[in-house]
Amino acid sequence: MSRDELREGTKGFALRVMKLSSALPATTEGRVIRDQLLRAGTSVGANYRAAKRAKSNADFISEMGTVEEEADESMYWMELIVEAGLTEENLVTELYQEADEILAMVVASIRTARKHP
């Protein structure tokens, strides 16, 4: 996946996170997890955009580290959604896989950046 594809992919991921979040129940648990997932899932793309504008390799690695953390956190909230039975698992499966793919690409980018300062 190219940088432009990853940029659009992370934006699409945020939009799908928003859709999943709106499907969560209006219970206390549903609201708390919705808010956490929305924050983490939408910040993946925002932080990736910031990483693309990095002024140094160290800045890029730092920003991509934030992307990594937010993607992983998104996965955590999706796991809780499924395990708590807040929505049907099939509504989460593809989005979870997408987060895992984004995470793998981000980790690979960080490793590459560390090798080529």
N, C-alpha and C. Protein backbone atom coordinates (compact mmCIF):
# COMPACT_ATOMS: atom_id res chain seq x y z
N MET A 1 0.86 -1.19 0.00
CA MET A 1 0.00 0.00 0.00
C MET A 1 0.90 1.24 0.00
N SER A 2 0.63 2.15 -0.90
CA SER A 2 1.42 3.38 -0.99
C SER A 2 1.03 4.34 0.13
N ARG A 3 1.82 5.41 0.27
CA ARG A 3 1.52 6.41 1.30
C ARG A 3 0.16 7.05 1.08
N ASP A 4 -0.16 7.37 -0.19
CA ASP A 4 -1.46 7.96 -0.47
C ASP A 4 -2.59 6.99 -0.18
N GLU A 5 -2.38 5.71 -0.49
CA GLU A 5 -3.39 4.71 -0.19
C GLU A 5 -3.57 4.54 1.31
N LEU A 6 -2.47 4.59 2.05
CA LEU A 6 -2.56 4.49 3.50
C LEU A 6 -3.26 5.72 4.08
N ARG A 7 -3.00 6.87 3.50
CA ARG A 7 -3.69 8.09 3.95
C ARG A 7 -5.20 7.95 3.77
N GLU A 8 -5.61 7.52 2.60
CA GLU A 8 -7.04 7.34 2.35
C GLU A 8 -7.60 6.17 3.16
N GLY A 9 -6.78 5.13 3.34
CA GLY A 9 -7.22 3.98 4.13
C GLY A 9 -7.47 4.33 5.58
N THR A 10 -6.61 5.16 6.14
CA THR A 10 -6.82 5.55 7.53
C THR A 10 -8.03 6.46 7.69
N LYS A 11 -8.30 7.26 6.66
CA LYS A 11 -9.51 8.09 6.71
C LYS A 11 -10.76 7.21 6.62
N GLY A 12 -10.72 6.25 5.70
CA GLY A 12 -11.84 5.31 5.58
C GLY A 12 -12.04 4.51 6.86
N PHE A 13 -10.94 4.15 7.49
CA PHE A 13 -11.01 3.44 8.77
C PHE A 13 -11.75 4.30 9.79
N ALA A 14 -11.42 5.57 9.87
CA ALA A 14 -12.08 6.48 10.81
C ALA A 14 -13.59 6.55 10.54
N LEU A 15 -13.95 6.61 9.28
CA LEU A 15 -15.37 6.67 8.94
C LEU A 15 -16.10 5.39 9.34
N ARG A 16 -15.45 4.25 9.16
CA ARG A 16 -16.06 2.98 9.56
C ARG A 16 -16.12 2.83 11.09
N VAL A 17 -15.14 3.39 11.78
CA VAL A 17 -15.18 3.42 13.25
C VAL A 17 -16.38 4.24 13.70
N MET A 18 -16.60 5.35 13.04
CA MET A 18 -17.75 6.20 13.39
C MET A 18 -19.06 5.43 13.19
N LYS A 19 -19.13 4.67 12.12
CA LYS A 19 -20.35 3.90 11.84
C LYS A 19 -20.55 2.81 12.89
N LEU A 20 -19.47 2.10 13.23
CA LEU A 20 -19.59 1.08 14.28
C LEU A 20 -19.99 1.72 15.60
N SER A 21 -19.39 2.83 15.92
CA SER A 21 -19.69 3.51 17.18
C SER A 21 -21.16 3.87 17.29
N SER A 22 -21.73 4.30 16.19
CA SER A 22 -23.15 4.68 16.22
C SER A 22 -24.06 3.47 16.39
N ALA A 23 -23.54 2.26 16.15
CA ALA A 23 -24.34 1.05 16.31
C ALA A 23 -24.30 0.51 17.74
N LEU A 24 -23.48 1.10 18.59
CA LEU A 24 -23.38 0.62 19.97
C LEU A 24 -24.59 1.07 20.77
N PRO A 25 -24.96 0.28 21.77
CA PRO A 25 -26.14 0.62 22.57
C PRO A 25 -25.92 1.89 23.40
N ALA A 26 -27.00 2.52 23.78
CA ALA A 26 -26.94 3.76 24.56
C ALA A 26 -26.85 3.48 26.06
N THR A 27 -26.28 2.35 26.42
CA THR A 27 -26.05 2.03 27.83
C THR A 27 -24.81 2.79 28.31
N THR A 28 -24.59 2.77 29.61
CA THR A 28 -23.39 3.42 30.15
C THR A 28 -22.14 2.82 29.52
N GLU A 29 -22.08 1.49 29.46
CA GLU A 29 -20.92 0.82 28.88
C GLU A 29 -20.77 1.17 27.40
N GLY A 30 -21.87 1.13 26.69
CA GLY A 30 -21.84 1.44 25.26
C GLY A 30 -21.33 2.84 24.99
N ARG A 31 -21.79 3.80 25.79
CA ARG A 31 -21.35 5.19 25.60
C ARG A 31 -19.86 5.37 25.90
N VAL A 32 -19.40 4.75 26.98
CA VAL A 32 -17.99 4.89 27.35
C VAL A 32 -17.09 4.27 26.27
N ILE A 33 -17.42 3.07 25.86
CA ILE A 33 -16.59 2.41 24.85
C ILE A 33 -16.71 3.13 23.51
N ARG A 34 -17.89 3.61 23.17
CA ARG A 34 -18.07 4.37 21.92
C ARG A 34 -17.15 5.58 21.91
N ASP A 35 -17.13 6.32 23.00
CA ASP A 35 -16.29 7.51 23.06
C ASP A 35 -14.80 7.16 22.94
N GLN A 36 -14.38 6.10 23.61
CA GLN A 36 -12.98 5.69 23.55
C GLN A 36 -12.60 5.21 22.15
N LEU A 37 -13.46 4.41 21.55
CA LEU A 37 -13.20 3.91 20.20
C LEU A 37 -13.18 5.05 19.19
N LEU A 38 -14.11 5.97 19.32
CA LEU A 38 -14.13 7.13 18.41
C LEU A 38 -12.85 7.95 18.52
N ARG A 39 -12.39 8.18 19.73
CA ARG A 39 -11.18 8.96 19.92
C ARG A 39 -9.97 8.26 19.30
N ALA A 40 -9.81 6.99 19.63
CA ALA A 40 -8.64 6.25 19.14
C ALA A 40 -8.73 6.02 17.63
N GLY A 41 -9.88 5.57 17.16
CA GLY A 41 -10.01 5.21 15.75
C GLY A 41 -9.91 6.38 14.79
N THR A 42 -10.40 7.53 15.20
CA THR A 42 -10.31 8.69 14.32
C THR A 42 -8.93 9.34 14.38
N SER A 43 -8.22 9.14 15.48
CA SER A 43 -6.89 9.74 15.57
C SER A 43 -5.84 8.97 14.78
N VAL A 44 -6.13 7.75 14.37
CA VAL A 44 -5.18 6.99 13.55
C VAL A 44 -4.83 7.79 12.30
N GLY A 45 -5.85 8.20 11.57
CA GLY A 45 -5.62 8.95 10.33
C GLY A 45 -5.06 10.33 10.57
N ALA A 46 -5.53 11.00 11.60
CA ALA A 46 -5.04 12.35 11.89
C ALA A 46 -3.55 12.32 12.22
N ASN A 47 -3.15 11.34 13.02
CA ASN A 47 -1.73 11.25 13.37
C ASN A 47 -0.88 10.76 12.20
N TYR A 48 -1.46 9.94 11.33
CA TYR A 48 -0.71 9.53 10.14
C TYR A 48 -0.43 10.75 9.25
N ARG A 49 -1.43 11.61 9.12
CA ARG A 49 -1.22 12.82 8.33
C ARG A 49 -0.12 13.68 8.95
N ALA A 50 -0.11 13.76 10.27
CA ALA A 50 0.95 14.52 10.94
C ALA A 50 2.31 13.89 10.69
N ALA A 51 2.37 12.58 10.67
CA ALA A 51 3.64 11.88 10.41
C ALA A 51 4.15 12.18 9.01
N LYS A 52 3.25 12.28 8.07
CA LYS A 52 3.66 12.58 6.69
C LYS A 52 4.27 13.97 6.58
N ARG A 53 3.94 14.86 7.51
CA ARG A 53 4.47 16.22 7.51
C ARG A 53 5.66 16.38 8.45
N ALA A 54 6.18 15.26 8.94
CA ALA A 54 7.27 15.31 9.90
C ALA A 54 8.47 16.07 9.33
N LYS A 55 9.12 16.80 10.18
CA LYS A 55 10.26 17.62 9.78
C LYS A 55 11.60 16.89 9.90
N SER A 56 11.57 15.73 10.56
CA SER A 56 12.79 14.94 10.71
C SER A 56 12.41 13.47 10.82
N ASN A 57 13.40 12.62 10.68
CA ASN A 57 13.17 11.19 10.82
C ASN A 57 12.69 10.86 12.23
N ALA A 58 13.28 11.51 13.23
CA ALA A 58 12.87 11.28 14.62
C ALA A 58 11.42 11.71 14.84
N ASP A 59 11.03 12.82 14.25
CA ASP A 59 9.65 13.29 14.35
C ASP A 59 8.71 12.30 13.68
N PHE A 60 9.11 11.79 12.52
CA PHE A 60 8.30 10.79 11.80
C PHE A 60 8.10 9.56 12.67
N ILE A 61 9.17 9.06 13.26
CA ILE A 61 9.10 7.86 14.09
C ILE A 61 8.19 8.11 15.30
N SER A 62 8.30 9.27 15.89
CA SER A 62 7.46 9.62 17.03
C SER A 62 5.98 9.66 16.64
N GLU A 63 5.68 10.34 15.55
CA GLU A 63 4.28 10.43 15.10
C GLU A 63 3.73 9.06 14.72
N MET A 64 4.55 8.26 14.05
CA MET A 64 4.10 6.92 13.66
C MET A 64 3.91 6.05 14.90
N GLY A 65 4.70 6.29 15.94
CA GLY A 65 4.49 5.59 17.20
C GLY A 65 3.12 5.88 17.78
N THR A 66 2.67 7.10 17.64
CA THR A 66 1.33 7.47 18.09
C THR A 66 0.28 6.77 17.26
N VAL A 67 0.49 6.70 15.95
CA VAL A 67 -0.44 5.97 15.07
C VAL A 67 -0.52 4.52 15.52
N GLU A 68 0.63 3.92 15.79
CA GLU A 68 0.68 2.54 16.25
C GLU A 68 -0.14 2.36 17.53
N GLU A 69 0.05 3.24 18.49
CA GLU A 69 -0.67 3.15 19.75
C GLU A 69 -2.17 3.28 19.56
N GLU A 70 -2.59 4.22 18.73
CA GLU A 70 -4.02 4.45 18.53
C GLU A 70 -4.68 3.30 17.78
N ALA A 71 -3.98 2.72 16.81
CA ALA A 71 -4.53 1.57 16.08
C ALA A 71 -4.68 0.38 17.03
N ASP A 72 -3.65 0.16 17.86
CA ASP A 72 -3.71 -0.94 18.81
C ASP A 72 -4.81 -0.71 19.84
N GLU A 73 -4.96 0.53 20.29
CA GLU A 73 -6.03 0.84 21.25
C GLU A 73 -7.40 0.62 20.62
N SER A 74 -7.54 0.98 19.36
CA SER A 74 -8.81 0.74 18.65
C SER A 74 -9.15 -0.74 18.65
N MET A 75 -8.14 -1.55 18.43
CA MET A 75 -8.35 -3.00 18.44
C MET A 75 -8.80 -3.48 19.81
N TYR A 76 -8.22 -2.92 20.85
CA TYR A 76 -8.61 -3.26 22.22
C TYR A 76 -10.10 -2.98 22.45
N TRP A 77 -10.54 -1.79 22.05
CA TRP A 77 -11.95 -1.43 22.26
C TRP A 77 -12.87 -2.33 21.45
N MET A 78 -12.44 -2.71 20.25
CA MET A 78 -13.26 -3.62 19.44
C MET A 78 -13.34 -5.00 20.09
N GLU A 79 -12.24 -5.45 20.68
CA GLU A 79 -12.27 -6.72 21.40
C GLU A 79 -13.28 -6.66 22.55
N LEU A 80 -13.27 -5.56 23.30
CA LEU A 80 -14.22 -5.41 24.40
C LEU A 80 -15.66 -5.38 23.89
N ILE A 81 -15.88 -4.71 22.78
CA ILE A 81 -17.23 -4.65 22.20
C ILE A 81 -17.75 -6.05 21.93
N VAL A 82 -16.91 -6.88 21.32
CA VAL A 82 -17.32 -8.25 20.99
C VAL A 82 -17.49 -9.08 22.26
N GLU A 83 -16.48 -9.04 23.14
CA GLU A 83 -16.52 -9.88 24.33
C GLU A 83 -17.63 -9.49 25.30
N ALA A 84 -18.02 -8.22 25.30
CA ALA A 84 -19.12 -7.77 26.16
C ALA A 84 -20.47 -7.97 25.49
N GLY A 85 -20.46 -8.37 24.23
CA GLY A 85 -21.71 -8.60 23.51
C GLY A 85 -22.47 -7.31 23.22
N LEU A 86 -21.75 -6.21 23.02
CA LEU A 86 -22.41 -4.93 22.77
C LEU A 86 -22.98 -4.81 21.36
N THR A 87 -22.46 -5.61 20.44
CA THR A 87 -22.99 -5.66 19.09
C THR A 87 -22.60 -7.01 18.50
N GLU A 88 -23.13 -7.31 17.35
CA GLU A 88 -22.83 -8.58 16.71
C GLU A 88 -21.36 -8.60 16.26
N GLU A 89 -20.73 -9.74 16.46
CA GLU A 89 -19.30 -9.87 16.13
C GLU A 89 -19.03 -9.58 14.66
N ASN A 90 -19.95 -9.97 13.78
CA ASN A 90 -19.72 -9.76 12.34
C ASN A 90 -19.66 -8.28 11.97
N LEU A 91 -20.18 -7.40 12.81
CA LEU A 91 -20.09 -5.96 12.55
C LEU A 91 -18.70 -5.41 12.89
N VAL A 92 -17.93 -6.18 13.64
CA VAL A 92 -16.62 -5.73 14.11
C VAL A 92 -15.48 -6.41 13.36
N THR A 93 -15.70 -7.62 12.88
CA THR A 93 -14.62 -8.46 12.33
C THR A 93 -13.78 -7.79 11.26
N GLU A 94 -14.40 -7.26 10.23
CA GLU A 94 -13.65 -6.63 9.13
C GLU A 94 -12.89 -5.39 9.60
N LEU A 95 -13.52 -4.60 10.43
CA LEU A 95 -12.87 -3.39 10.93
C LEU A 95 -11.67 -3.74 11.81
N TYR A 96 -11.81 -4.79 12.58
CA TYR A 96 -10.70 -5.26 13.42
C TYR A 96 -9.53 -5.71 12.54
N GLN A 97 -9.83 -6.45 11.49
CA GLN A 97 -8.79 -6.91 10.56
C GLN A 97 -8.12 -5.72 9.88
N GLU A 98 -8.90 -4.73 9.53
CA GLU A 98 -8.36 -3.52 8.91
C GLU A 98 -7.40 -2.81 9.87
N ALA A 99 -7.79 -2.71 11.13
CA ALA A 99 -6.92 -2.09 12.13
C ALA A 99 -5.62 -2.88 12.26
N ASP A 100 -5.71 -4.19 12.22
CA ASP A 100 -4.53 -5.04 12.32
C ASP A 100 -3.61 -4.83 11.12
N GLU A 101 -4.18 -4.68 9.93
CA GLU A 101 -3.38 -4.42 8.73
C GLU A 101 -2.69 -3.05 8.81
N ILE A 102 -3.44 -2.05 9.24
CA ILE A 102 -2.85 -0.71 9.41
C ILE A 102 -1.71 -0.79 10.42
N LEU A 103 -1.94 -1.47 11.52
CA LEU A 103 -0.92 -1.61 12.55
C LEU A 103 0.34 -2.27 11.99
N ALA A 104 0.18 -3.31 11.21
CA ALA A 104 1.34 -4.00 10.63
C ALA A 104 2.12 -3.07 9.70
N MET A 105 1.42 -2.29 8.89
CA MET A 105 2.10 -1.36 7.97
C MET A 105 2.83 -0.26 8.74
N VAL A 106 2.22 0.22 9.80
CA VAL A 106 2.83 1.27 10.59
C VAL A 106 4.10 0.75 11.29
N VAL A 107 4.02 -0.43 11.86
CA VAL A 107 5.18 -1.02 12.51
C VAL A 107 6.31 -1.22 11.50
N ALA A 108 5.97 -1.68 10.32
CA ALA A 108 6.99 -1.87 9.27
C ALA A 108 7.62 -0.53 8.88
N SER A 109 6.82 0.51 8.79
CA SER A 109 7.33 1.84 8.46
C SER A 109 8.27 2.35 9.54
N ILE A 110 7.92 2.12 10.78
CA ILE A 110 8.78 2.55 11.88
C ILE A 110 10.10 1.80 11.85
N ARG A 111 10.04 0.52 11.63
CA ARG A 111 11.28 -0.27 11.54
C ARG A 111 12.18 0.22 10.41
N THR A 112 11.59 0.49 9.26
CA THR A 112 12.35 0.99 8.12
C THR A 112 12.98 2.34 8.44
N ALA A 113 12.19 3.22 9.04
CA ALA A 113 12.70 4.55 9.39
C ALA A 113 13.85 4.47 10.39
N ARG A 114 13.78 3.53 11.29
CA ARG A 114 14.86 3.37 12.29
C ARG A 114 16.14 2.85 11.64
N LYS A 115 16.02 2.08 10.59
CA LYS A 115 17.18 1.53 9.89
C LYS A 115 17.86 2.56 9.00
N HIS A 116 17.09 3.57 8.57
CA HIS A 116 17.61 4.57 7.61
C HIS A 116 17.44 5.98 8.17
N PRO A 117 18.22 6.30 9.21
CA PRO A 117 18.07 7.64 9.80
C PRO A 117 18.60 8.66 8.85
